[in-house]
Amino acid sequence: MSPSLSACFCLGLCLGQVIQAQMDPFPKPTLRAEPSSLVPQHTLVTLRCQGPPGVDLYRLEHLESRKYYERQAVLIIKAMTSDYAGQYRCSYQNGSRWSPPSETLTLVITGVYEKPMLSAQPGPAVSPGGDVTLQCKSKYSFDQYALCKKGGKGQKKQTEMWYQADFSIITVTAAHSGTYQCYSFSSSTPYLWSAPSDPLELVVRETTVTTHSVPTAAPSAVTEPSRKNIIISTQGTSIPTGVSHQYYTKGNLVRICLGAVILLLLAGILAEDWYSQKKSLQHQD
């Protein structure tokens, strides 16, 4: 290939990579609420949009009101009200191109209604493997309830009993231990929640096994055969002497056989080499 053709080929390859890079979509930004997406009314919350380094412009969108917050990656809400509740997403711009929007963030205002009551049935102390039901009750006819665990994710449940919801935990494990709170709200206003219930501490009790030490002197009521049974049970994991000796004998026999096979192979190799050398000398004569 001539130098001119090589240069044209390299130039075309570089241009193709540049065009492909421009056509590739930008990565999605991330949107988070600090300190939490559950915000008590009249308190401060910060929405933060995060994209790659060197972003030209950010845009934050409130989906319910169709309101845009341009040119800022951070939105500080100094006093949370129902006007700010709802779903948000953000995007960023580099040059003339916009990134895909972030995942939707739901911002909820709490404390709009009176708090419900949270209880555990049959009780807040549960053994591993047992079942427990966390029951959230309200004085008002809400059709939506949410149960939240401190440090975990919330779960919602719609109920036909308009004054309460039952959250069943089947086969409890130690991971279910923790502090729980519940909220009540209406499906017609899904971002306006009640105040949180009083915290409920769910305790998963560890199953304890009581061990008894063998007395140094057996009581008079214990017979001689009983003491023999105790001695056998404590030494039951050891291998009997006869069986151990049998294992050692078999092991030695296997080692001897392997050694003999290796010696035979070496002897065969030496014999073949000797025969080859002898045959070569005969041809020379």
Foldseek 3Di string as FASTA:
>chain_A
DDPVVVVVVVVVVVVVVVVVVVPDAFDEWAWAKPPHLEAEFQAKIKIATDGDPPFDWKWKAFVVVRDIDIRDRMDIDHGDDLVRFAKMWMWTDDDHDIHDIYPIRGRAYEAPAAEWAWAKVPHLEAEAQAKIKIKTFAPDQAQKKWKDFVPDDIDIDGDPRRGMDIDMDGRDDQVPFGKMWMWTDHPVSVRYIYHIHDIDTRHHDYDDDDDDDDDPDDDPVDDPVNVVVVVCVVCVVDDDPVVVVVVVVVVVVVVVVVVVVVVVVVVVVVVVVVVVVVVVVVVVD
